[in-house]
Amino acid sequence: MAADAAGVRVRVLARLVEARAARRRREVADAMLAAGVEAQVEGEAVRLSGRGLLRRWADDLAVREAGRGRG
């Protein structure tokens, strides 16, 4: 019985962690969109594209910090 309860707790924790990661990916994509960079969440990745993306990244601290939880 204790093993079943532990298994349930692990599954609940895994769902919480997955939800938190998905929310964080969405926050990163939203920050990029606000900075004028096209962003899409694709599975576990945030794909960025757009003209001048490298220049924006180099010139704009908010773009560099968006994926670090400080943007």
Protein backbone atom coordinates (compact mmCIF):
# COMPACT_ATOMS: atom_id res chain seq x y z
CA MET A 1 0.00 0.00 0.00
CA ALA A 2 2.80 2.46 0.83
CA ALA A 3 4.39 1.81 -2.55
CA ASP A 4 1.10 2.71 -4.26
CA ALA A 5 0.89 5.99 -2.32
CA ALA A 6 4.50 6.80 -3.21
CA GLY A 7 3.76 6.11 -6.87
CA VAL A 8 0.78 8.44 -6.79
CA ARG A 9 2.88 11.17 -5.18
CA VAL A 10 5.57 10.76 -7.83
CA ARG A 11 3.01 11.05 -10.65
CA VAL A 12 1.43 14.13 -9.07
CA LEU A 13 4.84 15.73 -8.61
CA ALA A 14 5.78 14.91 -12.21
CA ARG A 15 2.60 16.59 -13.49
CA LEU A 16 3.32 19.68 -11.38
CA VAL A 17 6.88 19.91 -12.68
CA GLU A 18 5.70 19.46 -16.28
CA ALA A 19 3.08 22.19 -15.83
CA ARG A 20 5.66 24.55 -14.34
CA ALA A 21 8.07 23.93 -17.24
CA ALA A 22 5.29 24.53 -19.79
CA ARG A 23 4.33 27.77 -18.04
CA ARG A 24 7.99 28.91 -18.08
CA ARG A 25 8.33 28.14 -21.80
CA ARG A 26 5.20 30.22 -22.45
CA GLU A 27 6.64 33.09 -20.37
CA VAL A 28 9.86 33.01 -22.39
CA ALA A 29 7.91 33.02 -25.67
CA ASP A 30 5.76 35.92 -24.46
CA ALA A 31 8.86 37.92 -23.46
CA MET A 32 10.35 37.35 -26.89
CA LEU A 33 7.14 38.40 -28.61
CA ALA A 34 7.06 41.57 -26.50
CA ALA A 35 10.62 42.30 -27.65
CA GLY A 36 9.56 41.95 -31.28
CA VAL A 37 11.02 38.50 -31.88
CA GLU A 38 8.83 35.77 -33.35
CA ALA A 39 8.57 32.91 -30.84
CA GLN A 40 6.78 29.57 -30.82
CA VAL A 41 6.67 26.85 -28.19
CA GLU A 42 7.42 23.53 -29.89
CA GLY A 43 7.31 20.65 -27.44
CA GLU A 44 10.01 21.32 -24.87
CA ALA A 45 11.68 24.08 -26.89
CA VAL A 46 10.99 27.73 -27.59
CA ARG A 47 11.86 28.39 -31.23
CA LEU A 48 12.83 31.98 -32.05
CA SER A 49 13.09 33.56 -35.46
CA GLY A 50 12.94 36.92 -37.07
CA ARG A 51 15.00 39.52 -38.81
CA GLY A 52 17.86 40.86 -36.77
CA LEU A 53 17.43 38.29 -34.00
CA LEU A 54 21.18 38.05 -33.32
CA ARG A 55 21.52 41.85 -33.30
CA ARG A 56 18.57 42.16 -30.93
CA TRP A 57 20.03 39.54 -28.67
CA ALA A 58 23.39 41.32 -28.59
CA ASP A 59 21.90 44.80 -28.13
CA ASP A 60 18.99 44.14 -25.77
CA LEU A 61 19.57 42.92 -22.23
CA ALA A 62 15.86 42.03 -21.81
CA VAL A 63 16.08 39.56 -24.71
CA ARG A 64 19.20 37.91 -23.25
CA GLU A 65 17.70 37.70 -19.77
CA ALA A 66 14.26 36.41 -20.81
CA GLY A 67 15.30 32.78 -20.68
CA ARG A 68 17.14 33.18 -17.40
CA GLY A 69 14.14 34.13 -15.27
CA ARG A 70 15.20 37.77 -15.02
CA GLY A 71 13.53 39.28 -18.09
